[in-house]
């Protein structure tokens, strides 16, 4: 038969343990303490997006000199949920590369969410560029398929200031050192294709948009010579977004 004093002592110990566990939970020191990440609602309301931190890597100034990829960054798992559902429709890893400056801090997840580009019907989403060291030019972003009708999972997306041709297709200028082109991203296939391919040193870029008409202007890329600059007269084309056909046109004023 247990004595009353022993029972009271055990009860007090239990209370102490309960308080201790509660404090540990509040401090996030036990596995059950981690709260679910905040979900951000997509502009059209069809999806909710959650950022789960997987890893936060920090490098000293000396380590950064050793390898160009040794830069402070946070690795996230980004989950896209159909609104009201608990299982993600798509998940992808993403790196917030923020540490190029000594006093830089990680990008707020709210800002990472705001930088996502959504297709008109939210069939896919395009994440912001990660920020790794790269050659000058259009940064590569990652498109993530969300609709069950799409057979691709992720795809490169390299368009500056994209213009939507329809619910699944976007066009835009794309620049690299000696290749200036106007490209199309086809969301049905997850593929990029050239609307106007470069012929270095002559390239192309979008110069003006007027409703469903897009003016495409010839430009000289970084492989041009001084002689070419002196004699170059650009030609222009008009792209009809409804037919995706181009026709010669007079050049308007440059932007």
Protein backbone atom coordinates (compact mmCIF):
# COMPACT_ATOMS: atom_id res chain seq x y z
CA UNK A 1 0.00 0.00 0.00
CA UNK A 2 1.51 3.36 -1.12
CA UNK A 3 1.90 6.02 1.56
CA UNK A 4 0.19 9.37 1.14
CA UNK A 5 3.51 11.19 1.42
CA UNK A 6 5.03 9.17 -1.45
CA UNK A 7 1.98 9.75 -3.60
CA UNK A 8 2.12 13.51 -2.94
CA UNK A 9 5.82 13.60 -3.83
CA UNK A 10 5.22 11.82 -7.15
CA UNK A 11 2.35 14.17 -7.92
CA UNK A 12 4.56 17.20 -7.36
CA UNK A 13 7.28 15.66 -9.55
CA UNK A 14 4.71 15.03 -12.26
CA UNK A 15 3.55 18.60 -12.11
CA UNK A 16 7.14 19.77 -12.36
CA UNK A 17 7.78 17.55 -15.37
CA UNK A 18 4.61 18.78 -17.07
CA UNK A 19 5.67 22.37 -16.55
CA UNK A 20 9.15 21.55 -17.82
CA UNK A 21 7.81 19.91 -20.98
CA UNK A 22 5.46 22.83 -21.52
CA UNK A 23 8.37 25.25 -21.25
CA UNK A 24 10.43 23.13 -23.65
CA UNK A 25 7.58 23.05 -26.13
CA UNK A 26 7.20 26.80 -25.90
CA UNK A 27 10.92 27.23 -26.49
CA UNK A 28 10.88 24.86 -29.47
CA UNK A 29 13.35 22.44 -27.89
CA UNK A 30 11.40 19.23 -28.56
CA UNK A 31 10.19 17.82 -31.84
CA UNK A 32 6.53 18.40 -31.10
CA UNK A 33 7.21 22.09 -30.61
CA UNK A 34 7.74 23.04 -34.22
CA UNK A 35 4.65 24.83 -35.42
CA UNK A 36 3.36 24.46 -38.94
CA UNK A 37 4.82 27.09 -41.29
CA UNK A 38 2.68 30.04 -42.29
CA UNK A 39 0.66 29.50 -45.46
CA UNK A 40 0.40 32.33 -47.99
CA UNK A 41 -2.65 32.51 -50.25
CA UNK A 42 -2.11 32.79 -54.02
CA UNK A 43 -3.55 35.85 -55.83
CA UNK A 44 -6.38 33.77 -57.33
CA UNK A 45 -7.02 31.95 -54.07
CA UNK A 46 -6.53 28.47 -55.54
CA UNK A 47 -3.34 27.63 -53.66
CA UNK A 48 -1.62 28.12 -50.34
CA UNK A 49 2.18 28.21 -50.17
CA UNK A 50 4.33 27.19 -47.21
CA UNK A 51 8.10 27.62 -46.74
CA UNK A 52 9.80 25.03 -44.52
CA UNK A 53 13.41 25.78 -43.60
CA UNK A 54 15.60 22.72 -44.17
CA UNK A 55 19.06 24.18 -43.72
CA UNK A 56 20.75 27.52 -43.04
CA UNK A 57 24.37 27.62 -44.20
CA UNK A 58 26.76 30.39 -43.18
CA UNK A 59 30.30 30.96 -44.40
CA UNK A 60 33.21 33.03 -43.16
CA UNK A 61 34.88 35.60 -45.39
CA UNK A 62 37.78 33.21 -45.87
CA UNK A 63 35.47 30.35 -46.88
CA UNK A 64 33.72 32.60 -49.39
CA UNK A 65 37.05 33.22 -51.11
CA UNK A 66 37.59 29.47 -51.55
CA UNK A 67 34.45 28.71 -53.57
CA UNK A 68 31.99 30.97 -55.37
CA UNK A 69 29.12 28.87 -54.00
CA UNK A 70 30.22 29.41 -50.41
CA UNK A 71 27.70 32.16 -49.74
CA UNK A 72 25.21 32.39 -46.91
CA UNK A 73 21.89 30.88 -47.91
CA UNK A 74 18.77 29.21 -46.56
CA UNK A 75 17.50 26.02 -48.15
CA UNK A 76 13.71 25.73 -48.12
CA UNK A 77 11.12 23.19 -49.12
CA UNK A 78 8.31 25.12 -50.79
CA UNK A 79 4.96 23.33 -50.65
CA UNK A 80 1.99 24.29 -52.79
CA UNK A 81 -1.36 23.19 -51.35
CA UNK A 82 -4.72 23.41 -53.03
CA UNK A 83 -6.73 25.64 -50.75
CA UNK A 84 -8.25 23.63 -47.92
CA UNK A 85 -6.19 20.49 -48.56
CA UNK A 86 -3.52 19.03 -46.29
CA UNK A 87 -1.43 17.16 -48.89
CA UNK A 88 0.73 19.31 -51.20
CA UNK A 89 -0.03 19.43 -54.91
CA UNK A 90 3.66 20.14 -55.58
CA UNK A 91 6.87 20.54 -53.62
CA UNK A 92 10.24 21.89 -54.66
CA UNK A 93 13.48 22.94 -52.99
CA UNK A 94 14.57 26.56 -53.15
CA UNK A 95 17.70 28.42 -52.00
CA UNK A 96 17.48 31.96 -50.68
CA UNK A 97 21.02 33.10 -51.47
CA UNK A 98 21.31 36.31 -49.48
CA UNK A 99 24.83 36.56 -48.08
CA UNK A 100 26.85 38.47 -50.65
CA UNK A 101 27.15 41.42 -48.24
CA UNK A 102 28.58 41.02 -44.71
CA UNK A 103 25.51 42.47 -42.97
CA UNK A 104 22.90 40.78 -45.19
CA UNK A 105 20.09 38.79 -43.60
CA UNK A 106 17.79 36.10 -45.04
CA UNK A 107 14.90 37.27 -47.18
CA UNK A 108 11.59 37.22 -45.33
CA UNK A 109 9.39 34.35 -46.53
CA UNK A 110 6.61 36.87 -47.16
CA UNK A 111 8.89 38.60 -49.67
CA UNK A 112 9.91 35.29 -51.26
CA UNK A 113 6.21 34.56 -51.73
CA UNK A 114 5.50 37.99 -53.24
CA UNK A 115 8.25 37.37 -55.82
CA UNK A 116 6.46 34.28 -57.19
CA UNK A 117 5.02 34.78 -60.68
CA UNK A 118 1.67 33.05 -61.24
CA UNK A 119 0.25 32.02 -64.60
CA UNK A 120 -3.17 33.60 -65.31
CA UNK A 121 -5.16 30.54 -64.18
CA UNK A 122 -2.54 29.45 -61.62
CA UNK A 123 -1.71 26.30 -63.59
CA UNK A 124 1.94 26.87 -62.72
CA UNK A 125 4.05 29.22 -60.65
CA UNK A 126 7.51 30.66 -61.27
CA UNK A 127 9.87 31.10 -58.34
CA UNK A 128 12.21 34.06 -58.07
CA UNK A 129 15.82 33.57 -59.17
CA UNK A 130 17.89 32.04 -56.37
CA UNK A 131 20.76 34.52 -56.54
CA UNK A 132 23.79 32.30 -57.10
CA UNK A 133 26.81 33.79 -58.84
CA UNK A 134 26.34 33.70 -62.62
CA UNK A 135 27.28 35.48 -65.81
CA UNK A 136 25.44 38.75 -66.54
CA UNK A 137 22.12 38.31 -68.26
CA UNK A 138 18.62 37.03 -67.67
CA UNK A 139 18.61 34.93 -64.49
CA UNK A 140 17.18 31.44 -64.67
CA UNK A 141 14.03 30.97 -62.63
CA UNK A 142 12.20 27.74 -61.91
CA UNK A 143 8.64 27.07 -63.06
CA UNK A 144 6.62 24.62 -60.95
CA UNK A 145 3.66 22.74 -62.44
CA UNK A 146 0.54 22.85 -60.27
CA UNK A 147 -2.29 21.67 -62.52
CA UNK A 148 -2.83 17.92 -62.75
CA UNK A 149 -3.16 18.38 -66.52
CA UNK A 150 0.52 19.29 -66.84
CA UNK A 151 2.93 16.38 -67.32
CA UNK A 152 6.12 18.19 -66.31
CA UNK A 153 7.18 18.92 -62.73
CA UNK A 154 9.69 21.78 -62.90
CA UNK A 155 11.22 23.64 -65.84
CA UNK A 156 13.70 26.48 -66.50
CA UNK A 157 12.10 29.88 -67.07
CA UNK A 158 14.39 32.58 -68.53
CA UNK A 159 12.29 35.58 -69.52
CA UNK A 160 12.71 39.24 -68.62
CA UNK A 161 9.38 40.98 -67.91
CA UNK A 162 7.19 38.19 -69.33
CA UNK A 163 4.02 38.99 -71.27
CA UNK A 164 1.17 36.48 -71.20
CA UNK A 165 -0.03 35.31 -74.60
CA UNK A 166 -2.69 33.08 -73.02
CA UNK A 167 -3.28 31.03 -69.86
CA UNK A 168 -0.22 28.85 -70.41
CA UNK A 169 2.18 30.77 -72.66
CA UNK A 170 4.43 33.71 -71.86
CA UNK A 171 6.94 35.57 -74.01
CA UNK A 172 9.78 37.86 -73.07
CA UNK A 173 13.27 39.05 -73.87
CA UNK A 174 16.20 36.90 -72.79
CA UNK A 175 19.76 38.22 -72.63
CA UNK A 176 23.11 36.55 -72.31
CA UNK A 177 26.51 37.89 -73.31
CA UNK A 178 26.28 37.29 -77.06
CA UNK A 179 22.73 36.04 -77.46
CA UNK A 180 19.80 38.45 -77.25
CA UNK A 181 16.55 36.69 -78.12
CA UNK A 182 12.78 36.82 -77.69
CA UNK A 183 11.63 33.51 -76.23
CA UNK A 184 8.37 31.82 -75.39
CA UNK A 185 7.70 29.59 -72.39
CA UNK A 186 5.03 27.01 -73.18
CA UNK A 187 3.37 25.93 -69.96
CA UNK A 188 1.66 22.99 -71.66
CA UNK A 189 5.01 21.30 -72.32
CA UNK A 190 7.32 23.11 -69.88
CA UNK A 191 9.60 24.03 -72.81
CA UNK A 192 11.26 27.23 -73.97
CA UNK A 193 11.36 28.07 -77.69
CA UNK A 194 12.65 30.97 -79.74
CA UNK A 195 10.18 33.49 -81.15
CA UNK A 196 13.12 35.43 -82.63
CA UNK A 197 16.43 33.60 -82.38
CA UNK A 198 19.70 35.56 -82.10
CA UNK A 199 22.21 35.85 -84.91
CA UNK A 200 25.12 37.38 -83.03
CA UNK A 201 26.01 40.18 -83.00
CA UNK A 202 22.42 40.94 -84.02
CA UNK A 203 19.81 40.03 -81.47
CA UNK A 204 16.21 40.84 -80.59
CA UNK A 205 14.28 42.19 -77.64
CA UNK A 206 10.77 43.41 -76.86
CA UNK A 207 10.67 47.18 -77.21
CA UNK A 208 6.97 48.01 -76.85
CA UNK A 209 3.62 46.40 -75.99
CA UNK A 210 0.31 47.72 -77.27
CA UNK A 211 -2.56 45.49 -76.25
CA UNK A 212 -2.16 42.19 -78.06
CA UNK A 213 0.59 43.57 -80.30
CA UNK A 214 4.23 43.33 -79.29
CA UNK A 215 7.00 45.24 -81.04
CA UNK A 216 10.29 43.35 -81.37
CA UNK A 217 13.39 45.38 -82.20
CA UNK A 218 16.77 44.32 -83.53
CA UNK A 219 19.64 45.18 -81.20
CA UNK A 220 23.38 44.59 -81.05
CA UNK A 221 24.66 42.23 -78.37
CA UNK A 222 27.92 42.41 -76.42
CA UNK A 223 29.88 40.87 -79.30
CA UNK A 224 29.36 43.92 -81.48
CA UNK A 225 32.23 45.95 -82.89
CA UNK A 226 32.60 49.72 -83.06
CA UNK A 227 32.18 49.60 -86.85
CA UNK A 228 28.88 47.77 -86.48
CA UNK A 229 27.60 50.31 -83.99
CA UNK A 230 28.27 53.16 -86.42
CA UNK A 231 26.43 51.57 -89.34
CA UNK A 232 23.69 49.61 -87.57
CA UNK A 233 20.08 50.54 -88.31
CA UNK A 234 17.61 48.37 -86.38
CA UNK A 235 14.60 46.74 -88.01
CA UNK A 236 11.37 45.94 -86.16
CA UNK A 237 8.68 43.32 -86.22
CA UNK A 238 5.21 43.17 -84.72
CA UNK A 239 4.17 39.96 -82.97
CA UNK A 240 0.45 39.25 -82.80
CA UNK A 241 -0.19 37.42 -79.52
CA UNK A 242 -3.39 35.88 -80.87
CA UNK A 243 -1.74 34.21 -83.86
CA UNK A 244 1.90 34.25 -82.66
CA UNK A 245 2.89 35.45 -86.11
CA UNK A 246 5.33 38.26 -86.83
CA UNK A 247 5.24 40.87 -89.57
CA UNK A 248 7.67 43.70 -90.47
CA UNK A 249 6.78 47.10 -89.03
CA UNK A 250 8.15 50.57 -88.54
CA UNK A 251 10.06 51.00 -85.30
CA UNK A 252 8.45 53.15 -82.67
CA UNK A 253 10.31 55.24 -80.16
CA UNK A 254 12.72 53.26 -78.01
CA UNK A 255 11.77 52.72 -74.39
